[in-house]
Amino acid sequence: MKITYEEIKKNETINTYIKQADENLKALGFTEHSFAHVGKVACDTGFILSELDYDEETIELAKIAGYMHDIGNVVNRIDHAQSGAVMAFRILDKIGADDEDIAKIVAAIGNHDESTAYPVNPIAAALIIADKSDVRESRVRATADIKADIHDRVNYAVKEQKLEVDKANKTVTLSLLVDTDICQVMDYFQIFLGRMNLCKTAAEKLEVKFKLVINNQIMV
């Protein structure tokens, strides 16, 4: 059976896991990983592949992978990509999704976390870029200590974020407007350099180049 992104968004089990996973991360002091994050990642994952002229079926599966990619945090932050992949398999198999579709989605989810990530297929590549590019002020929780936590400070400093795809020039560009009164650009690289290098690797899988622009200056 072919599944759709809209069906997945309405699945009560998946939404329960997303909500509880975010509650767990909130208790651990992490930035927002709830519906705002997974919804944006789903849209951006699909957007990247759409702009690069992938077929509609692949785009739909990419959006599903993006929406479900963080459900493993309901188990533990450590190895959440692998936990999430196993959980996604169980859910998708139970609702009767096609085996080939499940395999693609599960592979993308299982390979999205930077500690073990690799763009094993186009869906995984787009998911990596979309997930690692979601840095923004609104992900910081109201209870966060901006001065004490560099991750919160960097996210809070990002006042604008835009992900663009230029098919003609074969580039995927993440553009950020950073308030340097809150944090220095070097702070961004201190915590996100590994993620940006991973985005470069993922972009190569899609046969494009990844570019990072901060305050109108090309960084990568």
N, C-alpha and C. Protein backbone atom coordinates (compact mmCIF):
# COMPACT_ATOMS: atom_id res chain seq x y z
N MET A 1 0.84 -1.20 0.00
CA MET A 1 0.00 0.00 0.00
C MET A 1 0.88 1.25 0.00
N LYS A 2 0.54 2.21 -0.84
CA LYS A 2 1.25 3.47 -0.87
C LYS A 2 0.74 4.39 0.25
N ILE A 3 1.64 4.94 1.01
CA ILE A 3 1.27 5.85 2.09
C ILE A 3 1.58 7.28 1.68
N THR A 4 0.89 8.21 2.29
CA THR A 4 1.09 9.62 1.96
C THR A 4 1.56 10.40 3.19
N TYR A 5 2.16 11.52 2.95
CA TYR A 5 2.63 12.39 4.02
C TYR A 5 1.46 12.86 4.87
N GLU A 6 0.35 13.20 4.24
CA GLU A 6 -0.81 13.68 4.99
C GLU A 6 -1.35 12.60 5.92
N GLU A 7 -1.32 11.35 5.50
CA GLU A 7 -1.75 10.26 6.36
C GLU A 7 -0.83 10.12 7.58
N ILE A 8 0.46 10.24 7.33
CA ILE A 8 1.44 10.11 8.41
C ILE A 8 1.27 11.24 9.42
N LYS A 9 1.01 12.45 8.95
CA LYS A 9 0.83 13.60 9.84
C LYS A 9 -0.38 13.43 10.76
N LYS A 10 -1.35 12.62 10.35
CA LYS A 10 -2.56 12.41 11.14
C LYS A 10 -2.49 11.16 12.01
N ASN A 11 -1.40 10.42 11.92
CA ASN A 11 -1.26 9.17 12.67
C ASN A 11 -1.06 9.46 14.16
N GLU A 12 -1.98 9.00 14.98
CA GLU A 12 -1.95 9.32 16.41
C GLU A 12 -0.72 8.73 17.10
N THR A 13 -0.32 7.54 16.71
CA THR A 13 0.84 6.91 17.33
C THR A 13 2.10 7.72 17.07
N ILE A 14 2.31 8.09 15.82
CA ILE A 14 3.50 8.88 15.45
C ILE A 14 3.50 10.21 16.19
N ASN A 15 2.36 10.88 16.22
CA ASN A 15 2.28 12.18 16.88
C ASN A 15 2.50 12.08 18.39
N THR A 16 2.05 10.99 18.98
CA THR A 16 2.31 10.76 20.41
C THR A 16 3.80 10.62 20.66
N TYR A 17 4.49 9.87 19.79
CA TYR A 17 5.93 9.67 19.95
C TYR A 17 6.70 10.97 19.75
N ILE A 18 6.28 11.77 18.77
CA ILE A 18 6.94 13.06 18.54
C ILE A 18 6.79 13.96 19.77
N LYS A 19 5.59 14.02 20.30
CA LYS A 19 5.33 14.87 21.47
C LYS A 19 6.13 14.41 22.67
N GLN A 20 6.13 13.10 22.95
CA GLN A 20 6.85 12.61 24.12
C GLN A 20 8.36 12.71 23.94
N ALA A 21 8.83 12.49 22.71
CA ALA A 21 10.26 12.63 22.44
C ALA A 21 10.73 14.04 22.75
N ASP A 22 9.92 15.03 22.38
CA ASP A 22 10.28 16.42 22.66
C ASP A 22 10.26 16.70 24.15
N GLU A 23 9.32 16.11 24.86
CA GLU A 23 9.28 16.26 26.31
C GLU A 23 10.55 15.70 26.95
N ASN A 24 11.01 14.56 26.44
CA ASN A 24 12.24 13.97 26.96
C ASN A 24 13.42 14.89 26.73
N LEU A 25 13.51 15.47 25.52
CA LEU A 25 14.62 16.36 25.19
C LEU A 25 14.54 17.66 25.98
N LYS A 26 13.33 18.10 26.24
CA LYS A 26 13.15 19.29 27.08
C LYS A 26 13.73 19.06 28.47
N ALA A 27 13.47 17.87 29.02
CA ALA A 27 13.99 17.53 30.34
C ALA A 27 15.52 17.48 30.34
N LEU A 28 16.09 17.11 29.19
CA LEU A 28 17.55 17.01 29.07
C LEU A 28 18.20 18.34 28.71
N GLY A 29 17.38 19.36 28.42
CA GLY A 29 17.92 20.68 28.13
C GLY A 29 18.20 20.95 26.67
N PHE A 30 17.63 20.14 25.76
CA PHE A 30 17.85 20.34 24.33
C PHE A 30 16.85 21.36 23.77
N THR A 31 17.18 21.90 22.60
CA THR A 31 16.28 22.81 21.90
C THR A 31 15.04 22.06 21.42
N GLU A 32 14.06 22.82 20.93
CA GLU A 32 12.78 22.26 20.47
C GLU A 32 12.96 21.23 19.37
N HIS A 33 12.33 20.08 19.57
CA HIS A 33 12.33 19.00 18.57
C HIS A 33 10.91 18.50 18.32
N SER A 34 9.93 19.35 18.50
CA SER A 34 8.53 18.94 18.38
C SER A 34 8.02 19.16 16.96
N PHE A 35 6.73 19.46 16.84
CA PHE A 35 6.09 19.51 15.53
C PHE A 35 6.62 20.64 14.65
N ALA A 36 7.05 21.73 15.26
CA ALA A 36 7.64 22.81 14.45
C ALA A 36 8.89 22.32 13.75
N HIS A 37 9.74 21.62 14.48
CA HIS A 37 10.99 21.11 13.90
C HIS A 37 10.73 20.03 12.86
N VAL A 38 10.00 19.00 13.24
CA VAL A 38 9.82 17.88 12.29
C VAL A 38 9.00 18.31 11.08
N GLY A 39 8.07 19.24 11.28
CA GLY A 39 7.30 19.74 10.15
C GLY A 39 8.16 20.52 9.18
N LYS A 40 9.05 21.34 9.71
CA LYS A 40 9.96 22.11 8.86
C LYS A 40 10.93 21.19 8.14
N VAL A 41 11.47 20.22 8.87
CA VAL A 41 12.42 19.29 8.25
C VAL A 41 11.73 18.49 7.14
N ALA A 42 10.49 18.07 7.39
CA ALA A 42 9.74 17.33 6.36
C ALA A 42 9.56 18.18 5.10
N CYS A 43 9.14 19.42 5.29
CA CYS A 43 8.92 20.31 4.14
C CYS A 43 10.22 20.59 3.39
N ASP A 44 11.29 20.87 4.14
CA ASP A 44 12.57 21.19 3.50
C ASP A 44 13.18 19.98 2.80
N THR A 45 13.00 18.80 3.39
CA THR A 45 13.50 17.57 2.75
C THR A 45 12.81 17.37 1.41
N GLY A 46 11.49 17.52 1.40
CA GLY A 46 10.75 17.40 0.15
C GLY A 46 11.10 18.50 -0.82
N PHE A 47 11.27 19.72 -0.31
CA PHE A 47 11.61 20.87 -1.15
C PHE A 47 12.92 20.66 -1.89
N ILE A 48 13.93 20.18 -1.20
CA ILE A 48 15.24 19.96 -1.82
C ILE A 48 15.11 19.01 -3.00
N LEU A 49 14.44 17.89 -2.79
CA LEU A 49 14.32 16.89 -3.86
C LEU A 49 13.40 17.38 -4.98
N SER A 50 12.39 18.15 -4.63
CA SER A 50 11.49 18.71 -5.64
C SER A 50 12.24 19.66 -6.56
N GLU A 51 13.05 20.53 -5.97
CA GLU A 51 13.80 21.50 -6.76
C GLU A 51 14.84 20.83 -7.64
N LEU A 52 15.26 19.63 -7.26
CA LEU A 52 16.24 18.88 -8.05
C LEU A 52 15.57 17.87 -8.98
N ASP A 53 14.25 18.02 -9.13
CA ASP A 53 13.46 17.25 -10.10
C ASP A 53 13.39 15.75 -9.81
N TYR A 54 13.38 15.39 -8.54
CA TYR A 54 13.12 13.99 -8.20
C TYR A 54 11.63 13.71 -8.40
N ASP A 55 11.28 12.45 -8.57
CA ASP A 55 9.89 12.08 -8.83
C ASP A 55 9.02 12.28 -7.59
N GLU A 56 7.72 12.39 -7.80
CA GLU A 56 6.78 12.71 -6.72
C GLU A 56 6.77 11.64 -5.63
N GLU A 57 6.94 10.39 -6.01
CA GLU A 57 6.94 9.31 -5.01
C GLU A 57 8.12 9.46 -4.05
N THR A 58 9.30 9.75 -4.59
CA THR A 58 10.49 9.94 -3.76
C THR A 58 10.33 11.15 -2.85
N ILE A 59 9.74 12.22 -3.38
CA ILE A 59 9.50 13.43 -2.58
C ILE A 59 8.55 13.13 -1.42
N GLU A 60 7.52 12.35 -1.69
CA GLU A 60 6.55 11.99 -0.64
C GLU A 60 7.23 11.17 0.46
N LEU A 61 8.04 10.22 0.07
CA LEU A 61 8.76 9.40 1.05
C LEU A 61 9.75 10.25 1.85
N ALA A 62 10.35 11.22 1.20
CA ALA A 62 11.29 12.11 1.87
C ALA A 62 10.59 12.93 2.96
N LYS A 63 9.41 13.42 2.66
CA LYS A 63 8.65 14.19 3.63
C LYS A 63 8.24 13.32 4.82
N ILE A 64 7.90 12.07 4.54
CA ILE A 64 7.54 11.15 5.62
C ILE A 64 8.75 10.88 6.51
N ALA A 65 9.90 10.65 5.90
CA ALA A 65 11.12 10.43 6.66
C ALA A 65 11.45 11.65 7.52
N GLY A 66 11.27 12.84 6.95
CA GLY A 66 11.53 14.06 7.69
C GLY A 66 10.61 14.21 8.90
N TYR A 67 9.36 13.86 8.73
CA TYR A 67 8.39 13.99 9.82
C TYR A 67 8.67 13.01 10.96
N MET A 68 9.15 11.81 10.59
CA MET A 68 9.34 10.75 11.58
C MET A 68 10.77 10.65 12.10
N HIS A 69 11.67 11.50 11.62
CA HIS A 69 13.10 11.24 11.84
C HIS A 69 13.56 11.29 13.29
N ASP A 70 12.82 11.97 14.16
CA ASP A 70 13.27 12.13 15.54
C ASP A 70 12.47 11.33 16.56
N ILE A 71 11.62 10.41 16.12
CA ILE A 71 10.79 9.67 17.09
C ILE A 71 11.63 8.80 18.01
N GLY A 72 12.84 8.45 17.61
CA GLY A 72 13.71 7.64 18.45
C GLY A 72 14.11 8.31 19.75
N ASN A 73 13.95 9.63 19.82
CA ASN A 73 14.26 10.35 21.06
C ASN A 73 13.31 9.98 22.19
N VAL A 74 12.22 9.30 21.86
CA VAL A 74 11.31 8.82 22.91
C VAL A 74 11.97 7.70 23.71
N VAL A 75 12.97 7.04 23.12
CA VAL A 75 13.72 5.98 23.80
C VAL A 75 14.91 6.58 24.54
N ASN A 76 15.78 7.28 23.81
CA ASN A 76 16.97 7.91 24.38
C ASN A 76 17.60 8.78 23.31
N ARG A 77 18.26 9.84 23.74
CA ARG A 77 18.95 10.69 22.76
C ARG A 77 20.08 9.92 22.09
N ILE A 78 20.77 9.09 22.87
CA ILE A 78 21.87 8.30 22.32
C ILE A 78 21.30 7.26 21.36
N ASP A 79 21.87 7.20 20.17
CA ASP A 79 21.45 6.25 19.13
C ASP A 79 19.98 6.45 18.73
N HIS A 80 19.49 7.69 18.82
CA HIS A 80 18.08 7.91 18.52
C HIS A 80 17.75 7.67 17.04
N ALA A 81 18.73 7.83 16.17
CA ALA A 81 18.47 7.58 14.75
C ALA A 81 18.16 6.10 14.51
N GLN A 82 18.95 5.24 15.14
CA GLN A 82 18.74 3.80 14.97
C GLN A 82 17.45 3.34 15.66
N SER A 83 17.20 3.87 16.87
CA SER A 83 15.95 3.54 17.56
C SER A 83 14.76 4.00 16.74
N GLY A 84 14.86 5.20 16.20
CA GLY A 84 13.78 5.74 15.39
C GLY A 84 13.53 4.95 14.13
N ALA A 85 14.60 4.45 13.53
CA ALA A 85 14.45 3.65 12.32
C ALA A 85 13.69 2.35 12.61
N VAL A 86 14.02 1.72 13.72
CA VAL A 86 13.33 0.48 14.12
C VAL A 86 11.86 0.77 14.42
N MET A 87 11.61 1.86 15.13
CA MET A 87 10.23 2.24 15.44
C MET A 87 9.45 2.55 14.17
N ALA A 88 10.08 3.27 13.25
CA ALA A 88 9.42 3.62 11.99
C ALA A 88 9.08 2.36 11.20
N PHE A 89 10.01 1.40 11.20
CA PHE A 89 9.73 0.14 10.50
C PHE A 89 8.47 -0.52 11.06
N ARG A 90 8.39 -0.60 12.38
CA ARG A 90 7.25 -1.26 13.02
C ARG A 90 5.94 -0.55 12.67
N ILE A 91 5.95 0.78 12.75
CA ILE A 91 4.74 1.55 12.48
C ILE A 91 4.31 1.41 11.02
N LEU A 92 5.26 1.61 10.11
CA LEU A 92 4.94 1.58 8.68
C LEU A 92 4.53 0.19 8.22
N ASP A 93 5.19 -0.82 8.78
CA ASP A 93 4.82 -2.21 8.45
C ASP A 93 3.41 -2.52 8.93
N LYS A 94 3.08 -2.01 10.12
CA LYS A 94 1.77 -2.27 10.71
C LYS A 94 0.64 -1.64 9.89
N ILE A 95 0.90 -0.48 9.29
CA ILE A 95 -0.16 0.16 8.51
C ILE A 95 -0.17 -0.31 7.05
N GLY A 96 0.74 -1.22 6.72
CA GLY A 96 0.71 -1.85 5.40
C GLY A 96 1.46 -1.14 4.30
N ALA A 97 2.45 -0.34 4.65
CA ALA A 97 3.25 0.35 3.63
C ALA A 97 4.06 -0.65 2.81
N ASP A 98 4.38 -0.28 1.58
CA ASP A 98 5.18 -1.14 0.70
C ASP A 98 6.56 -1.36 1.30
N ASP A 99 7.08 -2.58 1.13
CA ASP A 99 8.39 -2.92 1.69
C ASP A 99 9.49 -2.01 1.17
N GLU A 100 9.48 -1.71 -0.12
CA GLU A 100 10.52 -0.88 -0.71
C GLU A 100 10.46 0.54 -0.16
N ASP A 101 9.25 1.05 0.04
CA ASP A 101 9.09 2.39 0.61
C ASP A 101 9.59 2.42 2.06
N ILE A 102 9.24 1.38 2.82
CA ILE A 102 9.70 1.29 4.21
C ILE A 102 11.22 1.28 4.26
N ALA A 103 11.83 0.50 3.38
CA ALA A 103 13.29 0.38 3.37
C ALA A 103 13.96 1.73 3.13
N LYS A 104 13.42 2.52 2.21
CA LYS A 104 14.02 3.83 1.91
C LYS A 104 13.86 4.80 3.09
N ILE A 105 12.69 4.81 3.69
CA ILE A 105 12.42 5.70 4.80
C ILE A 105 13.27 5.34 6.01
N VAL A 106 13.30 4.04 6.33
CA VAL A 106 14.05 3.56 7.49
C VAL A 106 15.55 3.84 7.31
N ALA A 107 16.06 3.65 6.12
CA ALA A 107 17.48 3.92 5.86
C ALA A 107 17.80 5.39 6.08
N ALA A 108 16.91 6.27 5.64
CA ALA A 108 17.14 7.71 5.82
C ALA A 108 17.12 8.09 7.29
N ILE A 109 16.12 7.60 8.02
CA ILE A 109 16.03 7.92 9.45
C ILE A 109 17.24 7.38 10.21
N GLY A 110 17.64 6.16 9.91
CA GLY A 110 18.75 5.53 10.60
C GLY A 110 20.10 6.14 10.31
N ASN A 111 20.17 6.99 9.29
CA ASN A 111 21.44 7.59 8.89
C ASN A 111 21.44 9.12 8.97
N HIS A 112 20.59 9.70 9.82
CA HIS A 112 20.51 11.16 9.85
C HIS A 112 21.30 11.80 10.98
N ASP A 113 21.64 11.07 12.04
CA ASP A 113 22.34 11.68 13.17
C ASP A 113 23.82 11.78 12.90
N GLU A 114 24.41 12.94 13.24
CA GLU A 114 25.78 13.21 12.81
C GLU A 114 26.81 12.22 13.31
N SER A 115 26.54 11.54 14.43
CA SER A 115 27.52 10.59 14.96
C SER A 115 27.67 9.36 14.09
N THR A 116 26.62 9.02 13.34
CA THR A 116 26.66 7.82 12.50
C THR A 116 26.10 8.07 11.10
N ALA A 117 25.85 9.32 10.76
CA ALA A 117 25.13 9.64 9.53
C ALA A 117 25.94 9.38 8.27
N TYR A 118 25.21 9.02 7.21
CA TYR A 118 25.79 8.92 5.88
C TYR A 118 24.65 8.96 4.87
N PRO A 119 24.81 9.72 3.79
CA PRO A 119 23.74 9.83 2.79
C PRO A 119 23.65 8.58 1.92
N VAL A 120 23.03 7.54 2.44
CA VAL A 120 22.99 6.25 1.75
C VAL A 120 22.06 6.27 0.54
N ASN A 121 21.13 7.22 0.50
CA ASN A 121 20.25 7.37 -0.65
C ASN A 121 19.84 8.85 -0.74
N PRO A 122 19.20 9.26 -1.82
CA PRO A 122 18.83 10.68 -1.95
C PRO A 122 17.94 11.20 -0.83
N ILE A 123 17.06 10.34 -0.32
CA ILE A 123 16.18 10.76 0.78
C ILE A 123 17.01 11.07 2.02
N ALA A 124 17.95 10.19 2.33
CA ALA A 124 18.84 10.41 3.47
C ALA A 124 19.65 11.68 3.29
N ALA A 125 20.13 11.92 2.09
CA ALA A 125 20.94 13.11 1.81
C ALA A 125 20.14 14.38 2.05
N ALA A 126 18.92 14.42 1.51
CA ALA A 126 18.07 15.61 1.69
C ALA A 126 17.67 15.78 3.15
N LEU A 127 17.42 14.68 3.84
CA LEU A 127 17.05 14.74 5.25
C LEU A 127 18.19 15.30 6.10
N ILE A 128 19.40 14.86 5.83
CA ILE A 128 20.56 15.37 6.56
C ILE A 128 20.67 16.88 6.41
N ILE A 129 20.57 17.37 5.18
CA ILE A 129 20.70 18.81 4.93
C ILE A 129 19.58 19.59 5.62
N ALA A 130 18.35 19.11 5.48
CA ALA A 130 17.21 19.80 6.07
C ALA A 130 17.31 19.83 7.59
N ASP A 131 17.67 18.72 8.19
CA ASP A 131 17.75 18.63 9.65
C ASP A 131 18.86 19.50 10.21
N LYS A 132 20.04 19.42 9.62
CA LYS A 132 21.18 20.16 10.14
C LYS A 132 21.09 21.66 9.84
N SER A 133 20.21 22.02 8.93
CA SER A 133 20.05 23.43 8.58
C SER A 133 19.01 24.14 9.45
N ASP A 134 18.29 23.39 10.26
CA ASP A 134 17.23 24.00 11.06
C ASP A 134 17.79 24.61 12.34
N VAL A 135 18.41 25.75 12.18
CA VAL A 135 18.92 26.53 13.31
C VAL A 135 18.20 27.87 13.28
N ARG A 136 17.54 28.23 14.39
CA ARG A 136 16.73 29.45 14.40
C ARG A 136 16.38 29.82 15.84
N GLU A 137 16.07 31.06 16.01
CA GLU A 137 15.76 31.63 17.32
C GLU A 137 14.61 30.90 18.02
N SER A 138 13.57 30.55 17.25
CA SER A 138 12.36 29.99 17.85
C SER A 138 12.54 28.56 18.38
N ARG A 139 13.67 27.94 18.13
CA ARG A 139 13.91 26.61 18.68
C ARG A 139 14.37 26.66 20.14
N VAL A 140 14.74 27.84 20.59
CA VAL A 140 15.20 27.98 21.97
C VAL A 140 14.00 28.05 22.90
N ARG A 141 14.02 27.25 23.95
CA ARG A 141 12.90 27.20 24.89
C ARG A 141 12.93 28.41 25.82
N ALA A 142 11.76 28.76 26.32
CA ALA A 142 11.64 29.95 27.17
C ALA A 142 12.48 29.83 28.44
N THR A 143 12.71 28.60 28.88
CA THR A 143 13.45 28.37 30.13
C THR A 143 14.96 28.30 29.93
N ALA A 144 15.41 28.44 28.70
CA ALA A 144 16.84 28.27 28.41
C ALA A 144 17.68 29.40 29.00
N ASP A 145 18.91 29.05 29.35
CA ASP A 145 19.88 30.03 29.83
C ASP A 145 20.80 30.37 28.66
N ILE A 146 20.50 31.47 27.97
CA ILE A 146 21.22 31.83 26.75
C ILE A 146 22.71 32.04 27.00
N LYS A 147 23.03 32.63 28.13
CA LYS A 147 24.43 32.92 28.41
C LYS A 147 25.23 31.66 28.72
N ALA A 148 24.58 30.68 29.34
CA ALA A 148 25.30 29.49 29.80
C ALA A 148 25.46 28.43 28.73
N ASP A 149 24.50 28.29 27.85
CA ASP A 149 24.50 27.19 26.88
C ASP A 149 24.79 27.72 25.48
N ILE A 150 25.89 27.28 24.90
CA ILE A 150 26.29 27.79 23.59
C ILE A 150 25.32 27.37 22.50
N HIS A 151 24.71 26.17 22.61
CA HIS A 151 23.75 25.73 21.59
C HIS A 151 22.53 26.65 21.58
N ASP A 152 22.02 26.97 22.78
CA ASP A 152 20.89 27.88 22.87
C ASP A 152 21.28 29.27 22.37
N ARG A 153 22.46 29.70 22.73
CA ARG A 153 22.91 31.04 22.34
C ARG A 153 23.03 31.16 20.82
N VAL A 154 23.60 30.16 20.18
CA VAL A 154 23.75 30.20 18.73
C VAL A 154 22.40 30.18 18.04
N ASN A 155 21.51 29.29 18.48
CA ASN A 155 20.18 29.25 17.89
C ASN A 155 19.44 30.56 18.09
N TYR A 156 19.56 31.13 19.29
CA TYR A 156 18.86 32.37 19.60
C TYR A 156 19.39 33.54 18.76
N ALA A 157 20.65 33.46 18.38
CA ALA A 157 21.26 34.53 17.60
C ALA A 157 20.84 34.52 16.14
N VAL A 158 20.31 33.39 15.66
CA VAL A 158 19.91 33.28 14.25
C VAL A 158 18.52 33.89 14.07
N LYS A 159 18.48 35.07 13.51
CA LYS A 159 17.23 35.81 13.36
C LYS A 159 16.51 35.49 12.05
N GLU A 160 17.26 35.05 11.05
CA GLU A 160 16.66 34.63 9.78
C GLU A 160 17.40 33.42 9.25
N GLN A 161 16.65 32.49 8.68
CA GLN A 161 17.23 31.28 8.10
C GLN A 161 16.51 30.96 6.80
N LYS A 162 17.28 30.69 5.75
CA LYS A 162 16.67 30.36 4.46
C LYS A 162 17.48 29.27 3.78
N LEU A 163 16.78 28.28 3.26
CA LEU A 163 17.41 27.18 2.51
C LEU A 163 16.99 27.32 1.06
N GLU A 164 17.96 27.45 0.17
CA GLU A 164 17.67 27.67 -1.25
C GLU A 164 18.38 26.63 -2.11
N VAL A 165 17.72 26.26 -3.20
CA VAL A 165 18.28 25.30 -4.16
C VAL A 165 18.38 25.97 -5.51
N ASP A 166 19.56 25.96 -6.09
CA ASP A 166 19.79 26.51 -7.42
C ASP A 166 20.18 25.35 -8.33
N LYS A 167 19.20 24.85 -9.05
CA LYS A 167 19.45 23.69 -9.91
C LYS A 167 20.43 24.02 -11.01
N ALA A 168 20.33 25.20 -11.59
CA ALA A 168 21.20 25.57 -12.71
C ALA A 168 22.67 25.59 -12.30
N ASN A 169 22.93 26.14 -11.11
CA ASN A 169 24.31 26.22 -10.63
C ASN A 169 24.70 25.06 -9.72
N LYS A 170 23.74 24.15 -9.53
CA LYS A 170 23.96 22.93 -8.74
C LYS A 170 24.45 23.25 -7.32
N THR A 171 23.67 24.08 -6.62
CA THR A 171 24.01 24.43 -5.25
C THR A 171 22.78 24.34 -4.34
N VAL A 172 23.04 23.99 -3.09
CA VAL A 172 22.06 24.11 -2.01
C VAL A 172 22.68 25.06 -1.01
N THR A 173 22.01 26.18 -0.73
CA THR A 173 22.60 27.23 0.09
C THR A 173 21.78 27.46 1.36
N LEU A 174 22.46 27.42 2.50
CA LEU A 174 21.86 27.80 3.78
C LEU A 174 22.32 29.22 4.10
N SER A 175 21.37 30.16 4.15
CA SER A 175 21.70 31.56 4.45
C SER A 175 21.17 31.91 5.84
N LEU A 176 22.04 32.48 6.67
CA LEU A 176 21.67 32.84 8.03
C LEU A 176 21.95 34.31 8.29
N LEU A 177 21.06 34.94 9.05
CA LEU A 177 21.31 36.28 9.57
C LEU A 177 21.53 36.12 11.06
N VAL A 178 22.77 36.36 11.49
CA VAL A 178 23.17 36.13 12.88
C VAL A 178 23.41 37.44 13.59
N ASP A 179 22.80 37.60 14.75
CA ASP A 179 23.02 38.78 15.58
C ASP A 179 24.33 38.56 16.35
N THR A 180 25.38 39.23 15.92
CA THR A 180 26.70 39.02 16.53
C THR A 180 26.83 39.69 17.89
N ASP A 181 25.81 40.43 18.32
CA ASP A 181 25.81 40.93 19.70
C ASP A 181 25.45 39.82 20.68
N ILE A 182 24.80 38.76 20.14
CA ILE A 182 24.42 37.62 20.98
C ILE A 182 25.49 36.55 20.95
N CYS A 183 26.01 36.26 19.76
CA CYS A 183 27.11 35.31 19.64
C CYS A 183 27.94 35.63 18.41
N GLN A 184 29.18 35.23 18.44
CA GLN A 184 30.07 35.44 17.32
C GLN A 184 29.88 34.33 16.29
N VAL A 185 30.20 34.62 15.05
CA VAL A 185 30.10 33.62 13.99
C VAL A 185 30.95 32.39 14.32
N MET A 186 32.08 32.62 14.98
CA MET A 186 32.95 31.51 15.35
C MET A 186 32.26 30.54 16.30
N ASP A 187 31.33 31.05 17.11
CA ASP A 187 30.57 30.17 18.00
C ASP A 187 29.73 29.19 17.20
N TYR A 188 29.19 29.66 16.09
CA TYR A 188 28.41 28.78 15.21
C TYR A 188 29.27 27.62 14.73
N PHE A 189 30.45 27.94 14.26
CA PHE A 189 31.33 26.89 13.75
C PHE A 189 31.84 25.98 14.86
N GLN A 190 31.95 26.51 16.05
CA GLN A 190 32.41 25.70 17.17
C GLN A 190 31.51 24.50 17.41
N ILE A 191 30.21 24.68 17.24
CA ILE A 191 29.28 23.58 17.51
C ILE A 191 28.70 22.94 16.26
N PHE A 192 28.74 23.65 15.12
CA PHE A 192 28.08 23.14 13.92
C PHE A 192 29.01 22.80 12.76
N LEU A 193 30.31 22.90 12.94
CA LEU A 193 31.22 22.60 11.83
C LEU A 193 31.04 21.18 11.33
N GLY A 194 30.92 20.23 12.24
CA GLY A 194 30.72 18.84 11.83
C GLY A 194 29.45 18.66 11.04
N ARG A 195 28.41 19.36 11.44
CA ARG A 195 27.13 19.27 10.73
C ARG A 195 27.24 19.87 9.32
N MET A 196 27.96 20.97 9.21
CA MET A 196 28.11 21.59 7.90
C MET A 196 28.94 20.71 6.96
N ASN A 197 29.96 20.06 7.49
CA ASN A 197 30.74 19.12 6.68
C ASN A 197 29.88 17.94 6.24
N LEU A 198 28.98 17.50 7.13
CA LEU A 198 28.07 16.43 6.77
C LEU A 198 27.11 16.87 5.67
N CYS A 199 26.67 18.12 5.73
CA CYS A 199 25.81 18.66 4.67
C CYS A 199 26.54 18.68 3.32
N LYS A 200 27.82 18.97 3.35
CA LYS A 200 28.62 18.96 2.12
C LYS A 200 28.65 17.56 1.53
N THR A 201 28.85 16.55 2.38
CA THR A 201 28.86 15.17 1.92
C THR A 201 27.50 14.76 1.37
N ALA A 202 26.44 15.19 2.06
CA ALA A 202 25.08 14.87 1.61
C ALA A 202 24.78 15.52 0.27
N ALA A 203 25.22 16.75 0.10
CA ALA A 203 24.99 17.46 -1.16
C ALA A 203 25.67 16.75 -2.33
N GLU A 204 26.85 16.19 -2.08
CA GLU A 204 27.55 15.46 -3.13
C GLU A 204 26.74 14.27 -3.60
N LYS A 205 26.01 13.63 -2.70
CA LYS A 205 25.14 12.51 -3.07
C LYS A 205 24.06 12.98 -4.04
N LEU A 206 23.64 14.21 -3.89
CA LEU A 206 22.61 14.79 -4.76
C LEU A 206 23.22 15.48 -5.98
N GLU A 207 24.54 15.37 -6.12
CA GLU A 207 25.30 15.94 -7.24
C GLU A 207 25.20 17.46 -7.29
N VAL A 208 25.21 18.07 -6.09
CA VAL A 208 25.25 19.53 -5.97
C VAL A 208 26.29 19.89 -4.92
N LYS A 209 26.51 21.19 -4.72
CA LYS A 209 27.43 21.66 -3.70
C LYS A 209 26.66 22.38 -2.61
N PHE A 210 27.10 22.20 -1.37
CA PHE A 210 26.48 22.88 -0.24
C PHE A 210 27.23 24.16 0.06
N LYS A 211 26.48 25.26 0.24
CA LYS A 211 27.08 26.55 0.56
C LYS A 211 26.45 27.09 1.85
N LEU A 212 27.28 27.67 2.68
CA LEU A 212 26.81 28.33 3.90
C LEU A 212 27.13 29.82 3.81
N VAL A 213 26.09 30.65 3.96
CA VAL A 213 26.26 32.10 3.91
C VAL A 213 25.76 32.68 5.23
N ILE A 214 26.64 33.40 5.93
CA ILE A 214 26.27 34.03 7.19
C ILE A 214 26.47 35.53 7.07
N ASN A 215 25.41 36.26 7.33
CA ASN A 215 25.44 37.74 7.22
C ASN A 215 26.02 38.19 5.88
N ASN A 216 25.53 37.51 4.82
CA ASN A 216 25.88 37.83 3.43
C ASN A 216 27.31 37.50 3.05
N GLN A 217 28.01 36.77 3.88
CA GLN A 217 29.37 36.35 3.56
C GLN A 217 29.42 34.83 3.39
N ILE A 218 30.02 34.37 2.30
CA ILE A 218 30.14 32.94 2.04
C ILE A 218 31.16 32.34 2.98
N MET A 219 30.73 31.35 3.76
CA MET A 219 31.60 30.71 4.75
C MET A 219 32.13 29.37 4.24
N VAL A 220 31.27 28.65 3.53
CA VAL A 220 31.63 27.31 3.03
C VAL A 220 31.20 27.22 1.57
